[in-house]
Amino acid sequence: MTDAGSAAPVRIERDGDVAVLVLDRPPLNLFDESVFAGFEAAVADLVALTAPGRPDRARAVLLEARGKVVSAGVDVTAFRDIAEGPDPGQRGTALWARLLRTAQTLEDLPVPTVFAAHGLTLTAAFELALACDVLLAAERASFGLVEIVVGLTPSIGGPQRLAERAGPARAKELVFTGERYPAAVLERWDVVNRVLPDEGFAEAAREYAHRVAAGPTLAHAATKRLVTTAVRHGVRAADEITPQVSGPLFDTADLRGAVASFLDDGPGKATYSGR
């Protein structure tokens, strides 16, 4: 696992119960092979860090970037090297398969994941943001999938996850135009969860991540599974698995402790602590 003292462009830092995945490749946080590989390794580390039963388990994940922008996109030389090399179609297919696995692994983590966008967030970074549970944006933040400028479509899961959040027409509009959209617009489209003031944004995002980390992690994992099932397979499919997903929560120290506190201390005074 990378650490805060590493010069790696992608690293994991710990802030109590929150694992913070940091993108730090100045000046523009462009995605190249080092960043692709860094996210791949960091997300694999997060699987271990968020594993149930781990004593020092991270109970939430926050993704943030350093510098003036979140990311100005992909270093296009990476695409040139594929397009001008041998077997470009095969190599392109392999690249997207690899990066999609990273996005899916991030999406499937068994704890809440929060993406903090403080500024411009383009292409790969935006697609990874869409794989997170909650997308927070500063007022000055803007977003875009601008792959049309190099003859591509976003292929790290962005279009389909936009369609889940905003509907197919909005997803196609955003990709077809290649425009940059302000945070306020994407909040109206249900792509961004919350727009927060620029002043103090980083601290507010950390506070939000800590708030969800303080909740019932095992129940959060159940919520993620039920919501994903409903969106992708229908409400009745989620109904079908609800007893098997939610029933075992009664056999956890999380629930027993929370119920005891509620009964002893009363509504509004109960305290929760768990895994």
C-alpha atoms as a PDB file:
ATOM      1  CA  MET A   1       0.000   0.000   0.000  1.00  0.00           C
ATOM      2  CA  THR A   2       1.268   3.476  -0.790  1.00  0.00           C
ATOM      3  CA  ASP A   3       1.522   6.037   1.992  1.00  0.00           C
ATOM      4  CA  ALA A   4       1.415   9.781   2.562  1.00  0.00           C
ATOM      5  CA  GLY A   5       5.168  10.118   2.195  1.00  0.00           C
ATOM      6  CA  SER A   6       5.239   8.481  -1.215  1.00  0.00           C
ATOM      7  CA  ALA A   7       5.799  10.452  -4.408  1.00  0.00           C
ATOM      8  CA  ALA A   8       3.392   8.134  -6.218  1.00  0.00           C
ATOM      9  CA  PRO A   9       0.712   9.961  -8.229  1.00  0.00           C
ATOM     10  CA  VAL A  10      -1.983   7.862  -6.542  1.00  0.00           C
ATOM     11  CA  ARG A  11      -1.759   6.951  -2.886  1.00  0.00           C
ATOM     12  CA  ILE A  12      -3.843   6.024   0.130  1.00  0.00           C
ATOM     13  CA  GLU A  13      -3.772   8.022   3.346  1.00  0.00           C
ATOM     14  CA  ARG A  14      -5.642   7.190   6.549  1.00  0.00           C
ATOM     15  CA  ASP A  15      -7.740   9.738   8.421  1.00  0.00           C
ATOM     16  CA  GLY A  16      -9.128   7.705  11.288  1.00  0.00           C
ATOM     17  CA  ASP A  17     -11.866   5.414  10.001  1.00  0.00           C
ATOM     18  CA  VAL A  18     -11.673   6.961   6.519  1.00  0.00           C
ATOM     19  CA  ALA A  19      -9.302   5.745   3.821  1.00  0.00           C
ATOM     20  CA  VAL A  20      -8.441   8.681   1.569  1.00  0.00           C
ATOM     21  CA  LEU A  21      -7.435   7.875  -2.004  1.00  0.00           C
ATOM     22  CA  VAL A  22      -5.407  10.822  -3.276  1.00  0.00           C
ATOM     23  CA  LEU A  23      -4.685  11.779  -6.896  1.00  0.00           C
ATOM     24  CA  ASP A  24      -1.577  13.960  -6.938  1.00  0.00           C
ATOM     25  CA  ARG A  25       0.122  14.333 -10.320  1.00  0.00           C
ATOM     26  CA  PRO A  26       0.813  18.041 -10.787  1.00  0.00           C
ATOM     27  CA  PRO A  27       0.116  20.277 -12.480  1.00  0.00           C
ATOM     28  CA  LEU A  28      -3.057  18.900 -14.126  1.00  0.00           C
ATOM     29  CA  ASN A  29      -3.471  15.411 -12.647  1.00  0.00           C
ATOM     30  CA  LEU A  30      -3.497  13.924 -16.136  1.00  0.00           C
ATOM     31  CA  PHE A  31      -4.140  10.196 -16.373  1.00  0.00           C
ATOM     32  CA  ASP A  32      -1.311   8.230 -17.935  1.00  0.00           C
ATOM     33  CA  GLU A  33      -0.040   4.708 -17.370  1.00  0.00           C
ATOM     34  CA  SER A  34       1.393   5.633 -13.964  1.00  0.00           C
ATOM     35  CA  VAL A  35      -1.991   6.950 -12.839  1.00  0.00           C
ATOM     36  CA  PHE A  36      -3.936   4.047 -14.352  1.00  0.00           C
ATOM     37  CA  ALA A  37      -1.624   1.602 -12.578  1.00  0.00           C
ATOM     38  CA  GLY A  38      -1.762   3.657  -9.404  1.00  0.00           C
ATOM     39  CA  PHE A  39      -5.549   3.524  -9.245  1.00  0.00           C
ATOM     40  CA  GLU A  40      -5.498  -0.172 -10.052  1.00  0.00           C
ATOM     41  CA  ALA A  41      -3.114  -0.876  -7.147  1.00  0.00           C
ATOM     42  CA  ALA A  42      -4.801   1.533  -4.729  1.00  0.00           C
ATOM     43  CA  VAL A  43      -8.274   0.119  -5.327  1.00  0.00           C
ATOM     44  CA  ALA A  44      -6.900  -3.385  -4.751  1.00  0.00           C
ATOM     45  CA  ASP A  45      -5.480  -2.118  -1.450  1.00  0.00           C
ATOM     46  CA  LEU A  46      -8.886  -0.678  -0.565  1.00  0.00           C
ATOM     47  CA  VAL A  47     -10.458  -4.112  -0.965  1.00  0.00           C
ATOM     48  CA  ALA A  48      -8.166  -5.334   1.813  1.00  0.00           C
ATOM     49  CA  LEU A  49      -8.573  -2.200   3.937  1.00  0.00           C
ATOM     50  CA  THR A  50     -12.381  -2.384   3.885  1.00  0.00           C
ATOM     51  CA  ALA A  51     -12.675  -6.138   4.438  1.00  0.00           C
ATOM     52  CA  PRO A  52     -15.200  -7.062   7.163  1.00  0.00           C
ATOM     53  CA  GLY A  53     -13.543  -8.328  10.314  1.00  0.00           C
ATOM     54  CA  ARG A  54     -10.295  -6.442   9.815  1.00  0.00           C
ATOM     55  CA  PRO A  55      -9.370  -4.784  13.164  1.00  0.00           C
ATOM     56  CA  ASP A  56      -8.280  -1.498  11.560  1.00  0.00           C
ATOM     57  CA  ARG A  57     -10.958  -1.592   8.895  1.00  0.00           C
ATOM     58  CA  ALA A  58     -11.637   1.584   6.928  1.00  0.00           C
ATOM     59  CA  ARG A  59     -15.345   2.297   7.262  1.00  0.00           C
ATOM     60  CA  ALA A  60     -15.580   4.774   4.399  1.00  0.00           C
ATOM     61  CA  VAL A  61     -13.476   5.805   1.404  1.00  0.00           C
ATOM     62  CA  LEU A  62     -12.943   9.380   0.232  1.00  0.00           C
ATOM     63  CA  LEU A  63     -11.444  10.164  -3.186  1.00  0.00           C
ATOM     64  CA  GLU A  64      -9.841  13.582  -3.525  1.00  0.00           C
ATOM     65  CA  ALA A  65      -7.249  15.328  -5.682  1.00  0.00           C
ATOM     66  CA  ARG A  66      -4.522  17.839  -4.942  1.00  0.00           C
ATOM     67  CA  GLY A  67      -3.911  20.995  -6.956  1.00  0.00           C
ATOM     68  CA  LYS A  68      -6.115  23.495  -8.766  1.00  0.00           C
ATOM     69  CA  VAL A  69      -8.047  20.875 -10.744  1.00  0.00           C
ATOM     70  CA  VAL A  70      -9.243  17.368 -10.005  1.00  0.00           C
ATOM     71  CA  SER A  71      -8.063  16.255 -13.443  1.00  0.00           C
ATOM     72  CA  ALA A  72      -7.764  17.794 -16.886  1.00  0.00           C
ATOM     73  CA  GLY A  73      -8.290  14.359 -18.419  1.00  0.00           C
ATOM     74  CA  VAL A  74      -6.058  11.738 -19.993  1.00  0.00           C
ATOM     75  CA  ASP A  75      -2.562  12.269 -21.364  1.00  0.00           C
ATOM     76  CA  VAL A  76      -3.479  11.717 -25.026  1.00  0.00           C
ATOM     77  CA  THR A  77      -0.049  10.276 -25.827  1.00  0.00           C
ATOM     78  CA  ALA A  78      -1.317   7.108 -24.124  1.00  0.00           C
ATOM     79  CA  PHE A  79      -4.002   6.816 -26.814  1.00  0.00           C
ATOM     80  CA  ARG A  80      -1.550   7.694 -29.588  1.00  0.00           C
ATOM     81  CA  ASP A  81       0.791   4.917 -28.491  1.00  0.00           C
ATOM     82  CA  ILE A  82      -2.038   2.395 -28.751  1.00  0.00           C
ATOM     83  CA  ALA A  83      -3.452   3.725 -32.028  1.00  0.00           C
ATOM     84  CA  GLU A  84      -0.078   3.831 -33.772  1.00  0.00           C
ATOM     85  CA  GLY A  85       1.264   0.570 -32.373  1.00  0.00           C
ATOM     86  CA  PRO A  86       0.595  -3.059 -33.285  1.00  0.00           C
ATOM     87  CA  ASP A  87      -2.899  -4.520 -32.840  1.00  0.00           C
ATOM     88  CA  PRO A  88      -4.495  -1.240 -31.720  1.00  0.00           C
ATOM     89  CA  GLY A  89      -8.007  -2.659 -31.469  1.00  0.00           C
ATOM     90  CA  GLN A  90      -6.881  -5.559 -29.303  1.00  0.00           C
ATOM     91  CA  ARG A  91      -4.772  -3.322 -27.091  1.00  0.00           C
ATOM     92  CA  GLY A  92      -7.588  -0.808 -26.751  1.00  0.00           C
ATOM     93  CA  THR A  93      -9.981  -3.558 -25.735  1.00  0.00           C
ATOM     94  CA  ALA A  94      -7.507  -4.759 -23.119  1.00  0.00           C
ATOM     95  CA  LEU A  95      -7.068  -1.236 -21.726  1.00  0.00           C
ATOM     96  CA  TRP A  96     -10.793  -0.650 -21.264  1.00  0.00           C
ATOM     97  CA  ALA A  97     -11.327  -4.091 -19.741  1.00  0.00           C
ATOM     98  CA  ARG A  98      -8.581  -3.393 -17.233  1.00  0.00           C
ATOM     99  CA  LEU A  99      -9.842   0.069 -16.294  1.00  0.00           C
ATOM    100  CA  LEU A 100     -13.448  -1.094 -16.067  1.00  0.00           C
ATOM    101  CA  ARG A 101     -12.369  -3.739 -13.547  1.00  0.00           C
ATOM    102  CA  THR A 102     -10.854  -0.962 -11.458  1.00  0.00           C
ATOM    103  CA  ALA A 103     -14.064   1.094 -11.591  1.00  0.00           C
ATOM    104  CA  GLN A 104     -16.204  -1.936 -10.778  1.00  0.00           C
ATOM    105  CA  THR A 105     -13.979  -2.906  -7.856  1.00  0.00           C
ATOM    106  CA  LEU A 106     -14.260   0.624  -6.477  1.00  0.00           C
ATOM    107  CA  GLU A 107     -18.023   0.527  -6.950  1.00  0.00           C
ATOM    108  CA  ASP A 108     -18.316  -2.826  -5.168  1.00  0.00           C
ATOM    109  CA  LEU A 109     -16.384  -1.869  -2.017  1.00  0.00           C
ATOM    110  CA  PRO A 110     -18.500  -2.834   1.023  1.00  0.00           C
ATOM    111  CA  VAL A 111     -18.372   0.651   2.572  1.00  0.00           C
ATOM    112  CA  PRO A 112     -19.626   4.075   1.474  1.00  0.00           C
ATOM    113  CA  THR A 113     -17.443   5.772  -1.133  1.00  0.00           C
ATOM    114  CA  VAL A 114     -17.390   9.560  -1.521  1.00  0.00           C
ATOM    115  CA  PHE A 115     -15.809  11.540  -4.367  1.00  0.00           C
ATOM    116  CA  ALA A 116     -14.840  15.145  -3.626  1.00  0.00           C
ATOM    117  CA  ALA A 117     -14.576  17.329  -6.749  1.00  0.00           C
ATOM    118  CA  HIS A 118     -13.126  20.741  -5.918  1.00  0.00           C
ATOM    119  CA  GLY A 119     -12.558  21.907  -9.505  1.00  0.00           C
ATOM    120  CA  LEU A 120     -12.442  20.801 -13.127  1.00  0.00           C
ATOM    121  CA  THR A 121     -13.118  17.046 -13.404  1.00  0.00           C
ATOM    122  CA  LEU A 122     -12.764  15.562 -16.867  1.00  0.00           C
ATOM    123  CA  THR A 123     -12.905  12.127 -18.530  1.00  0.00           C
ATOM    124  CA  ALA A 124     -11.345   9.300 -16.495  1.00  0.00           C
ATOM    125  CA  ALA A 125     -11.620  11.161 -13.189  1.00  0.00           C
ATOM    126  CA  PHE A 126     -15.306  11.904 -13.840  1.00  0.00           C
ATOM    127  CA  GLU A 127     -15.926   8.264 -14.720  1.00  0.00           C
ATOM    128  CA  LEU A 128     -14.334   7.127 -11.451  1.00  0.00           C
ATOM    129  CA  ALA A 129     -16.449   9.685  -9.612  1.00  0.00           C
ATOM    130  CA  LEU A 130     -19.549   8.079 -11.132  1.00  0.00           C
ATOM    131  CA  ALA A 131     -18.453   4.723  -9.705  1.00  0.00           C
ATOM    132  CA  CYS A 132     -18.638   6.183  -6.187  1.00  0.00           C
ATOM    133  CA  ASP A 133     -21.736   6.190  -4.011  1.00  0.00           C
ATOM    134  CA  VAL A 134     -21.783   9.929  -3.365  1.00  0.00           C
ATOM    135  CA  LEU A 135     -20.407  12.754  -5.533  1.00  0.00           C
ATOM    136  CA  LEU A 136     -19.765  16.020  -3.706  1.00  0.00           C
ATOM    137  CA  ALA A 137     -18.818  19.106  -5.716  1.00  0.00           C
ATOM    138  CA  ALA A 138     -17.596  22.569  -4.882  1.00  0.00           C
ATOM    139  CA  GLU A 139     -19.505  25.475  -6.410  1.00  0.00           C
ATOM    140  CA  ARG A 140     -16.689  26.147  -8.874  1.00  0.00           C
ATOM    141  CA  ALA A 141     -16.393  22.496  -9.952  1.00  0.00           C
ATOM    142  CA  SER A 142     -17.247  21.505 -13.508  1.00  0.00           C
ATOM    143  CA  PHE A 143     -17.416  18.161 -15.243  1.00  0.00           C
ATOM    144  CA  GLY A 144     -17.110  16.771 -18.726  1.00  0.00           C
ATOM    145  CA  LEU A 145     -16.692  13.647 -20.790  1.00  0.00           C
ATOM    146  CA  VAL A 146     -14.819  15.190 -23.702  1.00  0.00           C
ATOM    147  CA  GLU A 147     -13.589  12.047 -25.442  1.00  0.00           C
ATOM    148  CA  ILE A 148     -15.184  13.118 -28.735  1.00  0.00           C
ATOM    149  CA  VAL A 149     -12.222  15.437 -29.309  1.00  0.00           C
ATOM    150  CA  VAL A 150     -10.044  12.360 -29.894  1.00  0.00           C
ATOM    151  CA  GLY A 151     -12.694  10.211 -31.568  1.00  0.00           C
ATOM    152  CA  LEU A 152     -13.522   8.073 -28.534  1.00  0.00           C
ATOM    153  CA  THR A 153     -16.485   7.373 -26.315  1.00  0.00           C
ATOM    154  CA  PRO A 154     -15.970   7.267 -22.535  1.00  0.00           C
ATOM    155  CA  SER A 155     -15.196   3.641 -21.743  1.00  0.00           C
ATOM    156  CA  ILE A 156     -14.540   3.358 -18.002  1.00  0.00           C
ATOM    157  CA  GLY A 157     -18.257   3.020 -17.305  1.00  0.00           C
ATOM    158  CA  GLY A 158     -19.172   6.700 -17.509  1.00  0.00           C
ATOM    159  CA  PRO A 159     -22.066   6.669 -20.016  1.00  0.00           C
ATOM    160  CA  GLN A 160     -23.919   3.806 -18.368  1.00  0.00           C
ATOM    161  CA  ARG A 161     -23.480   5.226 -14.885  1.00  0.00           C
ATOM    162  CA  LEU A 162     -24.623   8.624 -16.067  1.00  0.00           C
ATOM    163  CA  ALA A 163     -27.704   6.901 -17.475  1.00  0.00           C
ATOM    164  CA  GLU A 164     -28.362   5.337 -14.056  1.00  0.00           C
ATOM    165  CA  ARG A 165     -28.196   8.724 -12.367  1.00  0.00           C
ATOM    166  CA  ALA A 166     -29.638  11.133 -14.912  1.00  0.00           C
ATOM    167  CA  GLY A 167     -31.420   8.957 -17.486  1.00  0.00           C
ATOM    168  CA  PRO A 168     -30.353   7.901 -20.978  1.00  0.00           C
ATOM    169  CA  ALA A 169     -31.202  11.164 -22.759  1.00  0.00           C
ATOM    170  CA  ARG A 170     -29.064  13.276 -20.431  1.00  0.00           C
ATOM    171  CA  ALA A 171     -26.209  10.760 -20.590  1.00  0.00           C
ATOM    172  CA  LYS A 172     -26.172  10.853 -24.392  1.00  0.00           C
ATOM    173  CA  GLU A 173     -26.425  14.649 -24.445  1.00  0.00           C
ATOM    174  CA  LEU A 174     -23.439  15.037 -22.132  1.00  0.00           C
ATOM    175  CA  VAL A 175     -21.278  12.625 -24.126  1.00  0.00           C
ATOM    176  CA  PHE A 176     -22.424  13.773 -27.590  1.00  0.00           C
ATOM    177  CA  THR A 177     -21.680  17.446 -26.907  1.00  0.00           C
ATOM    178  CA  GLY A 178     -18.415  16.983 -25.035  1.00  0.00           C
ATOM    179  CA  GLU A 179     -19.297  20.148 -23.116  1.00  0.00           C
ATOM    180  CA  ARG A 180     -18.274  21.032 -19.590  1.00  0.00           C
ATOM    181  CA  TYR A 181     -21.170  21.185 -17.179  1.00  0.00           C
ATOM    182  CA  PRO A 182     -21.246  23.239 -13.958  1.00  0.00           C
ATOM    183  CA  ALA A 183     -21.766  21.437 -10.673  1.00  0.00           C
ATOM    184  CA  ALA A 184     -25.132  23.155 -10.174  1.00  0.00           C
ATOM    185  CA  VAL A 185     -26.466  21.775 -13.473  1.00  0.00           C
ATOM    186  CA  LEU A 186     -25.354  18.233 -12.684  1.00  0.00           C
ATOM    187  CA  GLU A 187     -26.890  18.510  -9.230  1.00  0.00           C
ATOM    188  CA  ARG A 188     -30.225  19.287 -10.908  1.00  0.00           C
ATOM    189  CA  TRP A 189     -29.698  16.244 -13.125  1.00  0.00           C
ATOM    190  CA  ASP A 190     -29.039  14.039 -10.061  1.00  0.00           C
ATOM    191  CA  VAL A 191     -25.464  13.324 -11.149  1.00  0.00           C
ATOM    192  CA  VAL A 192     -23.919  15.359  -8.319  1.00  0.00           C
ATOM    193  CA  ASN A 193     -25.349  14.639  -4.878  1.00  0.00           C
ATOM    194  CA  ARG A 194     -24.504  17.955  -3.216  1.00  0.00           C
ATOM    195  CA  VAL A 195     -22.904  21.246  -4.181  1.00  0.00           C
ATOM    196  CA  LEU A 196     -20.976  22.771  -1.291  1.00  0.00           C
ATOM    197  CA  PRO A 197     -19.352  26.206  -0.907  1.00  0.00           C
ATOM    198  CA  ASP A 198     -15.885  26.612  -2.352  1.00  0.00           C
ATOM    199  CA  GLU A 199     -14.654  27.980   0.949  1.00  0.00           C
ATOM    200  CA  GLY A 200     -13.922  25.076   3.259  1.00  0.00           C
ATOM    201  CA  PHE A 201     -14.909  22.462   0.665  1.00  0.00           C
ATOM    202  CA  ALA A 202     -12.096  20.005   1.467  1.00  0.00           C
ATOM    203  CA  GLU A 203     -12.925  20.106   5.162  1.00  0.00           C
ATOM    204  CA  ALA A 204     -16.651  19.699   4.485  1.00  0.00           C
ATOM    205  CA  ALA A 205     -15.995  16.677   2.277  1.00  0.00           C
ATOM    206  CA  ARG A 206     -13.844  15.104   4.994  1.00  0.00           C
ATOM    207  CA  GLU A 207     -16.576  15.767   7.558  1.00  0.00           C
ATOM    208  CA  TYR A 208     -19.145  14.104   5.306  1.00  0.00           C
ATOM    209  CA  ALA A 209     -16.924  11.046   4.844  1.00  0.00           C
ATOM    210  CA  HIS A 210     -16.414  10.780   8.603  1.00  0.00           C
ATOM    211  CA  ARG A 211     -20.152  11.072   9.173  1.00  0.00           C
ATOM    212  CA  VAL A 212     -20.942   8.099   6.949  1.00  0.00           C
ATOM    213  CA  ALA A 213     -17.961   6.187   8.375  1.00  0.00           C
ATOM    214  CA  ALA A 214     -19.493   6.571  11.838  1.00  0.00           C
ATOM    215  CA  GLY A 215     -22.643   4.770  10.722  1.00  0.00           C
ATOM    216  CA  PRO A 216     -23.474   1.062  10.657  1.00  0.00           C
ATOM    217  CA  THR A 217     -20.995  -0.198   8.070  1.00  0.00           C
ATOM    218  CA  LEU A 218     -22.557  -3.618   7.683  1.00  0.00           C
ATOM    219  CA  ALA A 219     -25.981  -2.068   7.139  1.00  0.00           C
ATOM    220  CA  HIS A 220     -24.460   0.357   4.618  1.00  0.00           C
ATOM    221  CA  ALA A 221     -23.105  -2.606   2.664  1.00  0.00           C
ATOM    222  CA  ALA A 222     -26.597  -4.098   2.621  1.00  0.00           C
ATOM    223  CA  THR A 223     -28.026  -0.792   1.395  1.00  0.00           C
ATOM    224  CA  LYS A 224     -25.518  -0.631  -1.448  1.00  0.00           C
ATOM    225  CA  ARG A 225     -26.424  -4.132  -2.577  1.00  0.00           C
ATOM    226  CA  LEU A 226     -30.180  -3.505  -2.454  1.00  0.00           C
ATOM    227  CA  VAL A 227     -30.001  -0.189  -4.313  1.00  0.00           C
ATOM    228  CA  THR A 228     -27.713  -1.574  -7.011  1.00  0.00           C
ATOM    229  CA  THR A 229     -29.959  -4.599  -7.491  1.00  0.00           C
ATOM    230  CA  ALA A 230     -33.055  -2.412  -7.781  1.00  0.00           C
ATOM    231  CA  VAL A 231     -31.487  -0.069 -10.331  1.00  0.00           C
ATOM    232  CA  ARG A 232     -30.024  -2.790 -12.510  1.00  0.00           C
ATOM    233  CA  HIS A 233     -32.535  -5.614 -12.136  1.00  0.00           C
ATOM    234  CA  GLY A 234     -35.729  -4.009 -10.824  1.00  0.00           C
ATOM    235  CA  VAL A 235     -37.457  -3.441  -7.503  1.00  0.00           C
ATOM    236  CA  ARG A 236     -38.855  -6.964  -7.302  1.00  0.00           C
ATOM    237  CA  ALA A 237     -35.361  -8.384  -7.721  1.00  0.00           C
ATOM    238  CA  ALA A 238     -34.256  -6.275  -4.756  1.00  0.00           C
ATOM    239  CA  ASP A 239     -37.301  -7.433  -2.807  1.00  0.00           C
ATOM    240  CA  GLU A 240     -36.306 -11.016  -3.528  1.00  0.00           C
ATOM    241  CA  ILE A 241     -32.896 -10.689  -1.875  1.00  0.00           C
ATOM    242  CA  THR A 242     -33.878  -8.326   0.960  1.00  0.00           C
ATOM    243  CA  PRO A 243     -34.596 -11.007   3.607  1.00  0.00           C
ATOM    244  CA  GLN A 244     -31.266 -12.742   2.950  1.00  0.00           C
ATOM    245  CA  VAL A 245     -29.341  -9.447   2.870  1.00  0.00           C
ATOM    246  CA  SER A 246     -30.975  -7.702   5.824  1.00  0.00           C
ATOM    247  CA  GLY A 247     -31.871 -10.637   8.059  1.00  0.00           C
ATOM    248  CA  PRO A 248     -28.274 -11.446   9.110  1.00  0.00           C
ATOM    249  CA  LEU A 249     -27.871  -7.900  10.444  1.00  0.00           C
ATOM    250  CA  PHE A 250     -29.790  -9.048  13.544  1.00  0.00           C
ATOM    251  CA  ASP A 251     -26.859 -11.317  14.316  1.00  0.00           C
ATOM    252  CA  THR A 252     -24.308  -8.496  14.486  1.00  0.00           C
ATOM    253  CA  ALA A 253     -22.817  -6.607  17.404  1.00  0.00           C
ATOM    254  CA  ASP A 254     -23.575  -3.455  15.411  1.00  0.00           C
ATOM    255  CA  LEU A 255     -27.322  -3.928  15.658  1.00  0.00           C
ATOM    256  CA  ARG A 256     -27.374  -5.262  19.204  1.00  0.00           C
ATOM    257  CA  GLY A 257     -25.333  -2.345  20.530  1.00  0.00           C
ATOM    258  CA  ALA A 258     -27.358   0.233  18.623  1.00  0.00           C
ATOM    259  CA  VAL A 259     -30.694  -1.202  19.783  1.00  0.00           C
ATOM    260  CA  ALA A 260     -29.522  -1.324  23.408  1.00  0.00           C
ATOM    261  CA  SER A 261     -28.363   2.298  23.246  1.00  0.00           C
ATOM    262  CA  PHE A 262     -31.648   3.400  21.690  1.00  0.00           C
ATOM    263  CA  LEU A 263     -33.690   1.682  24.390  1.00  0.00           C
ATOM    264  CA  ASP A 264     -31.473   2.881  27.242  1.00  0.00           C
ATOM    265  CA  ASP A 265     -30.837   6.449  26.099  1.00  0.00           C
ATOM    266  CA  GLY A 266     -33.876   7.214  23.960  1.00  0.00           C
ATOM    267  CA  PRO A 267     -34.345   8.776  20.521  1.00  0.00           C
ATOM    268  CA  GLY A 268     -31.925  11.573  19.746  1.00  0.00           C
ATOM    269  CA  LYS A 269     -29.529  10.518  22.488  1.00  0.00           C
ATOM    270  CA  ALA A 270     -28.619   7.035  21.374  1.00  0.00           C
ATOM    271  CA  THR A 271     -25.024   6.464  20.346  1.00  0.00           C
ATOM    272  CA  TYR A 272     -23.838   4.042  17.722  1.00  0.00           C
ATOM    273  CA  SER A 273     -20.522   2.279  17.504  1.00  0.00           C
ATOM    274  CA  GLY A 274     -19.756  -0.696  15.357  1.00  0.00           C
ATOM    275  CA  ARG A 275     -17.768  -2.094  12.478  1.00  0.00           C
END
